Protein backbone atom coordinates (compact mmCIF):
# COMPACT_ATOMS: atom_id res chain seq x y z
CA MET A 1 76.06 39.00 -4.20
CA PRO A 2 78.21 41.71 -4.71
CA SER A 3 79.85 44.48 -2.20
CA ALA A 4 77.49 47.01 -3.96
CA ARG A 5 74.18 44.83 -1.90
CA ARG A 6 73.47 43.39 1.04
CA ALA A 7 71.96 39.60 1.18
CA ARG A 8 68.02 40.30 2.32
CA SER A 9 66.69 38.70 5.56
CA ALA A 10 64.14 35.47 5.33
CA ALA A 11 62.00 37.95 6.77
CA GLU A 12 62.58 40.92 4.20
CA ILE A 13 62.12 38.19 1.53
CA LEU A 14 58.67 37.14 2.58
CA CYS A 15 57.57 40.33 3.09
CA SER A 16 58.02 41.62 -0.26
CA VAL A 17 55.67 38.92 -1.63
CA PRO A 18 52.13 40.52 -2.32
CA PRO A 19 48.47 39.35 -0.70
CA ARG A 20 47.83 38.95 -4.59
CA ASP A 21 50.98 37.43 -5.20
CA ARG A 22 51.08 35.12 -2.46
CA ALA A 23 47.12 33.87 -3.30
CA VAL A 24 48.53 32.99 -7.02
CA LEU A 25 50.99 31.19 -5.04
CA LEU A 26 49.07 29.02 -2.34
CA GLN A 27 46.42 28.09 -5.80
CA LEU A 28 49.60 26.62 -6.71
CA GLY A 29 50.83 24.98 -3.88
CA LEU A 30 52.77 27.21 -1.68
CA ASP A 31 51.56 28.20 1.57
CA LEU A 32 54.20 30.59 2.30
CA ASP A 33 52.73 31.03 5.81
CA ASP A 34 54.05 27.30 7.00
CA PRO A 35 57.67 27.38 7.67
CA GLU A 36 58.73 24.87 5.45
CA ASP A 37 57.31 25.80 1.98
CA ALA A 38 58.50 29.88 3.27
CA ALA A 39 62.05 28.29 3.60
CA LEU A 40 61.57 26.76 0.07
CA PHE A 41 60.82 29.82 -1.41
CA VAL A 42 63.18 32.21 -0.08
CA SER A 43 66.02 29.84 -1.06
CA GLY A 44 64.59 30.22 -4.45
CA ILE A 45 64.44 33.23 -4.31
CA ARG A 46 68.44 33.69 -2.81
CA ALA A 47 69.83 31.42 -6.01
CA ALA A 48 67.54 34.08 -8.24
CA ASP A 49 69.14 36.93 -6.86
CA TYR A 50 72.77 35.01 -6.19
CA ALA A 51 72.66 34.10 -10.44
CA ILE A 52 71.77 37.90 -11.21
CA ALA A 53 74.58 39.69 -8.92
CA ALA A 54 76.47 37.37 -11.06
CA GLN A 55 75.29 38.60 -14.89
CA GLU A 56 75.68 41.66 -13.44
CA ARG A 57 79.49 40.97 -12.21
CA TRP A 58 79.98 38.60 -15.77
CA GLU A 59 78.28 41.87 -17.87
CA ARG A 60 80.11 44.60 -16.10
CA GLU A 61 83.82 42.35 -17.06
CA LYS A 62 82.72 42.73 -20.46
CA GLY A 63 82.14 46.13 -21.08
CA LEU A 64 77.96 46.10 -21.43
CA ARG A 65 77.40 47.65 -18.50
């Protein structure tokens, strides 16, 4: 992640999921109150954060931003 961004903690990520989205995830079989499911979810969010940061860096390097 760029130095301007701080990596979010697992707690921050999990607390940022609104109840309505938690309900949808639960219907899809992902229970964020289950430690294994929560770890999987957090790792996916972190991977997405990293990919977004990489795309932003690439766009800055190419002068697209």
